[in-house]
């Protein structure tokens, strides 16, 4: 299990990126929201989409959930 967070501020394309704890691209504490502990990024992205419908996995730490 890993801890996942979603960026409160969208990327230029409008997506809110989901990051696994330890990611070198993790947003600052003030700019992220804790999603929970998940076995994979798939559950974390689903949780993020309940808050921000346009959520996506980080290319670097959640690549299998990154859709571009």
PDB file of N, CA and C in Angstrom:
ATOM      1  N   UNK A   1       0.845  -1.185   0.000  1.00  0.00           N
ATOM      2  CA  UNK A   1       0.000   0.000   0.000  1.00  0.00           C
ATOM      3  C   UNK A   1       0.885   1.241   0.000  1.00  0.00           C
ATOM      4  N   UNK A   2       0.403   2.266  -0.655  1.00  0.00           N
ATOM      5  CA  UNK A   2       1.127   3.533  -0.710  1.00  0.00           C
ATOM      6  C   UNK A   2       0.139   4.669  -0.467  1.00  0.00           C
ATOM      7  N   UNK A   3       0.665   5.759   0.048  1.00  0.00           N
ATOM      8  CA  UNK A   3      -0.149   6.959   0.266  1.00  0.00           C
ATOM      9  C   UNK A   3      -0.208   7.752  -1.036  1.00  0.00           C
ATOM     10  N   UNK A   4      -1.396   8.241  -1.340  1.00  0.00           N
ATOM     11  CA  UNK A   4      -1.593   9.019  -2.565  1.00  0.00           C
ATOM     12  C   UNK A   4      -2.204  10.374  -2.244  1.00  0.00           C
ATOM     13  N   UNK A   5      -1.834  11.341  -3.072  1.00  0.00           N
ATOM     14  CA  UNK A   5      -2.292  12.720  -2.931  1.00  0.00           C
ATOM     15  C   UNK A   5      -2.706  13.244  -4.298  1.00  0.00           C
ATOM     16  N   UNK A   6      -3.597  14.221  -4.287  1.00  0.00           N
ATOM     17  CA  UNK A   6      -3.976  14.890  -5.532  1.00  0.00           C
ATOM     18  C   UNK A   6      -3.594  16.364  -5.421  1.00  0.00           C
ATOM     19  N   UNK A   7      -3.113  16.893  -6.508  1.00  0.00           N
ATOM     20  CA  UNK A   7      -2.730  18.292  -6.589  1.00  0.00           C
ATOM     21  C   UNK A   7      -3.998  19.151  -6.599  1.00  0.00           C
ATOM     22  N   UNK A   8      -4.085  20.112  -5.698  1.00  0.00           N
ATOM     23  CA  UNK A   8      -5.254  20.999  -5.637  1.00  0.00           C
ATOM     24  C   UNK A   8      -5.319  21.941  -6.839  1.00  0.00           C
ATOM     25  N   UNK A   9      -4.174  22.277  -7.394  1.00  0.00           N
ATOM     26  CA  UNK A   9      -4.117  23.174  -8.548  1.00  0.00           C
ATOM     27  C   UNK A   9      -4.002  22.343  -9.827  1.00  0.00           C
ATOM     28  N   UNK A  10      -4.843  22.611 -10.805  1.00  0.00           N
ATOM     29  CA  UNK A  10      -4.761  21.836 -12.048  1.00  0.00           C
ATOM     30  C   UNK A  10      -3.517  22.186 -12.864  1.00  0.00           C
ATOM     31  N   UNK A  11      -3.118  21.252 -13.676  1.00  0.00           N
ATOM     32  CA  UNK A  11      -2.036  21.456 -14.634  1.00  0.00           C
ATOM     33  C   UNK A  11      -2.545  22.383 -15.739  1.00  0.00           C
ATOM     34  N   UNK A  12      -1.666  22.875 -16.616  1.00  0.00           N
ATOM     35  CA  UNK A  12      -2.122  23.764 -17.708  1.00  0.00           C
ATOM     36  C   UNK A  12      -3.242  23.159 -18.557  1.00  0.00           C
ATOM     37  N   UNK A  13      -3.270  21.837 -18.686  1.00  0.00           N
ATOM     38  CA  UNK A  13      -4.321  21.178 -19.461  1.00  0.00           C
ATOM     39  C   UNK A  13      -5.604  20.956 -18.684  1.00  0.00           C
ATOM     40  N   UNK A  14      -5.616  21.340 -17.395  1.00  0.00           N
ATOM     41  CA  UNK A  14      -6.821  21.217 -16.576  1.00  0.00           C
ATOM     42  C   UNK A  14      -6.878  19.982 -15.692  1.00  0.00           C
ATOM     43  N   UNK A  15      -5.905  19.069 -15.804  1.00  0.00           N
ATOM     44  CA  UNK A  15      -5.916  17.845 -15.010  1.00  0.00           C
ATOM     45  C   UNK A  15      -5.336  18.089 -13.610  1.00  0.00           C
ATOM     46  N   UNK A  16      -5.928  17.414 -12.639  1.00  0.00           N
ATOM     47  CA  UNK A  16      -5.397  17.395 -11.277  1.00  0.00           C
ATOM     48  C   UNK A  16      -4.596  16.105 -11.164  1.00  0.00           C
ATOM     49  N   UNK A  17      -3.294  16.222 -10.967  1.00  0.00           N
ATOM     50  CA  UNK A  17      -2.422  15.044 -10.952  1.00  0.00           C
ATOM     51  C   UNK A  17      -2.444  14.322  -9.617  1.00  0.00           C
ATOM     52  N   UNK A  18      -2.448  13.003  -9.702  1.00  0.00           N
ATOM     53  CA  UNK A  18      -2.389  12.129  -8.529  1.00  0.00           C
ATOM     54  C   UNK A  18      -0.946  11.654  -8.372  1.00  0.00           C
ATOM     55  N   UNK A  19      -0.406  11.805  -7.153  1.00  0.00           N
ATOM     56  CA  UNK A  19       0.982  11.453  -6.858  1.00  0.00           C
ATOM     57  C   UNK A  19       1.064  10.437  -5.730  1.00  0.00           C
ATOM     58  N   UNK A  20       2.031   9.543  -5.842  1.00  0.00           N
ATOM     59  CA  UNK A  20       2.351   8.598  -4.768  1.00  0.00           C
ATOM     60  C   UNK A  20       3.367   9.262  -3.847  1.00  0.00           C
ATOM     61  N   UNK A  21       3.239   9.033  -2.550  1.00  0.00           N
ATOM     62  CA  UNK A  21       4.180   9.621  -1.595  1.00  0.00           C
ATOM     63  C   UNK A  21       5.607   9.283  -1.996  1.00  0.00           C
ATOM     64  N   UNK A  22       6.470  10.283  -1.936  1.00  0.00           N
ATOM     65  CA  UNK A  22       7.855  10.106  -2.319  1.00  0.00           C
ATOM     66  C   UNK A  22       8.160  10.584  -3.726  1.00  0.00           C
ATOM     67  N   UNK A  23       7.136  10.924  -4.490  1.00  0.00           N
ATOM     68  CA  UNK A  23       7.343  11.409  -5.859  1.00  0.00           C
ATOM     69  C   UNK A  23       8.154  12.698  -5.832  1.00  0.00           C
ATOM     70  N   UNK A  24       9.103  12.812  -6.729  1.00  0.00           N
ATOM     71  CA  UNK A  24       9.918  14.028  -6.789  1.00  0.00           C
ATOM     72  C   UNK A  24       9.114  15.213  -7.335  1.00  0.00           C
ATOM     73  N   UNK A  25       7.927  14.976  -7.885  1.00  0.00           N
ATOM     74  CA  UNK A  25       7.072  16.041  -8.395  1.00  0.00           C
ATOM     75  C   UNK A  25       5.866  16.293  -7.490  1.00  0.00           C
ATOM     76  N   UNK A  26       5.948  15.817  -6.250  1.00  0.00           N
ATOM     77  CA  UNK A  26       4.869  16.005  -5.280  1.00  0.00           C
ATOM     78  C   UNK A  26       4.644  17.497  -5.039  1.00  0.00           C
ATOM     79  N   UNK A  27       3.391  17.953  -5.090  1.00  0.00           N
ATOM     80  CA  UNK A  27       3.127  19.360  -4.793  1.00  0.00           C
ATOM     81  C   UNK A  27       3.385  19.667  -3.312  1.00  0.00           C
ATOM     82  N   UNK A  28       3.513  20.941  -3.002  1.00  0.00           N
ATOM     83  CA  UNK A  28       3.729  21.353  -1.616  1.00  0.00           C
ATOM     84  C   UNK A  28       2.544  20.914  -0.746  1.00  0.00           C
ATOM     85  N   UNK A  29       2.760  20.869   0.563  1.00  0.00           N
ATOM     86  CA  UNK A  29       1.681  20.459   1.468  1.00  0.00           C
ATOM     87  C   UNK A  29       0.441  21.315   1.309  1.00  0.00           C
ATOM     88  N   UNK A  30       0.625  22.598   1.103  1.00  0.00           N
ATOM     89  CA  UNK A  30      -0.509  23.512   0.954  1.00  0.00           C
ATOM     90  C   UNK A  30      -1.263  23.292  -0.349  1.00  0.00           C
ATOM     91  N   UNK A  31      -0.631  22.627  -1.306  1.00  0.00           N
ATOM     92  CA  UNK A  31      -1.209  22.470  -2.637  1.00  0.00           C
ATOM     93  C   UNK A  31      -1.588  21.014  -2.939  1.00  0.00           C
ATOM     94  N   UNK A  32      -1.748  20.210  -1.905  1.00  0.00           N
ATOM     95  CA  UNK A  32      -2.136  18.814  -2.157  1.00  0.00           C
ATOM     96  C   UNK A  32      -3.190  18.373  -1.148  1.00  0.00           C
ATOM     97  N   UNK A  33      -3.933  17.358  -1.546  1.00  0.00           N
ATOM     98  CA  UNK A  33      -4.977  16.782  -0.695  1.00  0.00           C
ATOM     99  C   UNK A  33      -4.733  15.288  -0.593  1.00  0.00           C
ATOM    100  N   UNK A  34      -4.731  14.789   0.625  1.00  0.00           N
ATOM    101  CA  UNK A  34      -4.518  13.359   0.869  1.00  0.00           C
ATOM    102  C   UNK A  34      -5.730  12.579   0.388  1.00  0.00           C
ATOM    103  N   UNK A  35      -5.484  11.527  -0.378  1.00  0.00           N
ATOM    104  CA  UNK A  35      -6.563  10.694  -0.895  1.00  0.00           C
ATOM    105  C   UNK A  35      -6.756   9.422  -0.083  1.00  0.00           C
ATOM    106  N   UNK A  36      -5.667   8.877   0.455  1.00  0.00           N
ATOM    107  CA  UNK A  36      -5.734   7.630   1.205  1.00  0.00           C
ATOM    108  C   UNK A  36      -4.605   6.712   0.798  1.00  0.00           C
ATOM    109  N   UNK A  37      -4.635   5.513   1.365  1.00  0.00           N
ATOM    110  CA  UNK A  37      -3.657   4.468   1.041  1.00  0.00           C
ATOM    111  C   UNK A  37      -4.301   3.494   0.070  1.00  0.00           C
ATOM    112  N   UNK A  38      -3.606   3.217  -1.020  1.00  0.00           N
ATOM    113  CA  UNK A  38      -4.148   2.348  -2.062  1.00  0.00           C
ATOM    114  C   UNK A  38      -3.096   1.356  -2.523  1.00  0.00           C
ATOM    115  N   UNK A  39      -3.545   0.222  -3.030  1.00  0.00           N
ATOM    116  CA  UNK A  39      -2.663  -0.806  -3.562  1.00  0.00           C
ATOM    117  C   UNK A  39      -2.024  -0.330  -4.863  1.00  0.00           C
ATOM    118  N   UNK A  40      -2.769   0.453  -5.639  1.00  0.00           N
ATOM    119  CA  UNK A  40      -2.242   0.973  -6.906  1.00  0.00           C
ATOM    120  C   UNK A  40      -2.809   2.366  -7.169  1.00  0.00           C
ATOM    121  N   UNK A  41      -2.322   2.985  -8.204  1.00  0.00           N
ATOM    122  CA  UNK A  41      -2.797   4.323  -8.556  1.00  0.00           C
ATOM    123  C   UNK A  41      -4.239   4.299  -9.066  1.00  0.00           C
ATOM    124  N   UNK A  42      -4.713   3.158  -9.521  1.00  0.00           N
ATOM    125  CA  UNK A  42      -6.061   3.099 -10.092  1.00  0.00           C
ATOM    126  C   UNK A  42      -7.123   3.503  -9.062  1.00  0.00           C
ATOM    127  N   UNK A  43      -7.021   2.975  -7.854  1.00  0.00           N
ATOM    128  CA  UNK A  43      -7.960   3.348  -6.796  1.00  0.00           C
ATOM    129  C   UNK A  43      -7.800   4.800  -6.392  1.00  0.00           C
ATOM    130  N   UNK A  44      -6.571   5.280  -6.373  1.00  0.00           N
ATOM    131  CA  UNK A  44      -6.313   6.673  -6.010  1.00  0.00           C
ATOM    132  C   UNK A  44      -6.902   7.627  -7.042  1.00  0.00           C
ATOM    133  N   UNK A  45      -6.768   7.309  -8.305  1.00  0.00           N
ATOM    134  CA  UNK A  45      -7.328   8.171  -9.355  1.00  0.00           C
ATOM    135  C   UNK A  45      -8.854   8.168  -9.270  1.00  0.00           C
ATOM    136  N   UNK A  46      -9.457   7.018  -8.987  1.00  0.00           N
ATOM    137  CA  UNK A  46     -10.919   6.976  -8.815  1.00  0.00           C
ATOM    138  C   UNK A  46     -11.345   7.890  -7.668  1.00  0.00           C
ATOM    139  N   UNK A  47     -10.604   7.847  -6.552  1.00  0.00           N
ATOM    140  CA  UNK A  47     -10.915   8.703  -5.408  1.00  0.00           C
ATOM    141  C   UNK A  47     -10.740  10.179  -5.779  1.00  0.00           C
ATOM    142  N   UNK A  48      -9.706  10.484  -6.534  1.00  0.00           N
ATOM    143  CA  UNK A  48      -9.465  11.867  -6.951  1.00  0.00           C
ATOM    144  C   UNK A  48     -10.576  12.363  -7.879  1.00  0.00           C
ATOM    145  N   UNK A  49     -11.065  11.497  -8.756  1.00  0.00           N
ATOM    146  CA  UNK A  49     -12.116  11.897  -9.702  1.00  0.00           C
ATOM    147  C   UNK A  49     -13.422  12.225  -8.986  1.00  0.00           C
ATOM    148  N   UNK A  50     -13.618  11.682  -7.787  1.00  0.00           N
ATOM    149  CA  UNK A  50     -14.812  12.024  -7.001  1.00  0.00           C
ATOM    150  C   UNK A  50     -14.731  13.475  -6.518  1.00  0.00           C
ATOM    151  N   UNK A  51     -13.522  14.005  -6.417  1.00  0.00           N
ATOM    152  CA  UNK A  51     -13.308  15.387  -5.974  1.00  0.00           C
ATOM    153  C   UNK A  51     -13.102  16.306  -7.178  1.00  0.00           C
ATOM    154  N   UNK A  52     -12.195  15.881  -8.050  1.00  0.00           N
ATOM    155  CA  UNK A  52     -11.858  16.630  -9.267  1.00  0.00           C
ATOM    156  C   UNK A  52     -12.062  15.683 -10.453  1.00  0.00           C
ATOM    157  N   UNK A  53     -13.186  15.793 -11.161  1.00  0.00           N
ATOM    158  CA  UNK A  53     -13.477  14.844 -12.247  1.00  0.00           C
ATOM    159  C   UNK A  53     -12.376  14.725 -13.299  1.00  0.00           C
ATOM    160  N   UNK A  54     -11.608  15.765 -13.491  1.00  0.00           N
ATOM    161  CA  UNK A  54     -10.541  15.728 -14.491  1.00  0.00           C
ATOM    162  C   UNK A  54      -9.202  15.431 -13.798  1.00  0.00           C
ATOM    163  N   UNK A  55      -9.092  14.245 -13.211  1.00  0.00           N
ATOM    164  CA  UNK A  55      -7.864  13.827 -12.527  1.00  0.00           C
ATOM    165  C   UNK A  55      -7.130  12.794 -13.361  1.00  0.00           C
ATOM    166  N   UNK A  56      -5.836  12.733 -13.160  1.00  0.00           N
ATOM    167  CA  UNK A  56      -4.959  11.889 -13.967  1.00  0.00           C
ATOM    168  C   UNK A  56      -3.764  11.469 -13.114  1.00  0.00           C
ATOM    169  N   UNK A  57      -3.186  10.332 -13.386  1.00  0.00           N
ATOM    170  CA  UNK A  57      -1.992   9.899 -12.676  1.00  0.00           C
ATOM    171  C   UNK A  57      -0.761  10.668 -13.127  1.00  0.00           C
ATOM    172  N   UNK A  58       0.144  10.903 -12.204  1.00  0.00           N
ATOM    173  CA  UNK A  58       1.412  11.564 -12.520  1.00  0.00           C
ATOM    174  C   UNK A  58       2.228  10.695 -13.479  1.00  0.00           C
ATOM    175  N   UNK A  59       2.804  11.304 -14.471  1.00  0.00           N
ATOM    176  CA  UNK A  59       3.628  10.591 -15.453  1.00  0.00           C
ATOM    177  C   UNK A  59       4.810   9.888 -14.791  1.00  0.00           C
ATOM    178  N   UNK A  60       5.351  10.456 -13.730  1.00  0.00           N
ATOM    179  CA  UNK A  60       6.571   9.945 -13.114  1.00  0.00           C
ATOM    180  C   UNK A  60       6.332   8.899 -12.028  1.00  0.00           C
ATOM    181  N   UNK A  61       5.308   9.063 -11.210  1.00  0.00           N
ATOM    182  CA  UNK A  61       5.117   8.109 -10.106  1.00  0.00           C
ATOM    183  C   UNK A  61       3.885   7.227 -10.276  1.00  0.00           C
ATOM    184  N   UNK A  62       3.000   7.557 -11.188  1.00  0.00           N
ATOM    185  CA  UNK A  62       1.772   6.780 -11.421  1.00  0.00           C
ATOM    186  C   UNK A  62       1.537   6.628 -12.918  1.00  0.00           C
ATOM    187  N   UNK A  63       2.596   6.273 -13.609  1.00  0.00           N
ATOM    188  CA  UNK A  63       2.560   6.242 -15.078  1.00  0.00           C
ATOM    189  C   UNK A  63       1.465   5.353 -15.635  1.00  0.00           C
ATOM    190  N   UNK A  64       1.172   4.234 -14.969  1.00  0.00           N
ATOM    191  CA  UNK A  64       0.148   3.329 -15.499  1.00  0.00           C
ATOM    192  C   UNK A  64      -1.254   3.959 -15.444  1.00  0.00           C
ATOM    193  N   UNK A  65      -1.396   5.055 -14.711  1.00  0.00           N
ATOM    194  CA  UNK A  65      -2.669   5.778 -14.631  1.00  0.00           C
ATOM    195  C   UNK A  65      -2.615   7.116 -15.356  1.00  0.00           C
ATOM    196  N   UNK A  66      -1.508   7.398 -15.987  1.00  0.00           N
ATOM    197  CA  UNK A  66      -1.357   8.663 -16.716  1.00  0.00           C
ATOM    198  C   UNK A  66      -1.945   8.514 -18.115  1.00  0.00           C
ATOM    199  N   UNK A  67      -2.891   9.391 -18.420  1.00  0.00           N
ATOM    200  CA  UNK A  67      -3.548   9.317 -19.737  1.00  0.00           C
ATOM    201  C   UNK A  67      -3.149  10.465 -20.641  1.00  0.00           C
ATOM    202  N   UNK A  68      -2.377  11.395 -20.111  1.00  0.00           N
ATOM    203  CA  UNK A  68      -1.880  12.467 -20.952  1.00  0.00           C
ATOM    204  C   UNK A  68      -2.592  13.713 -20.702  1.00  0.00           C
TER     205      UNK A  68
END
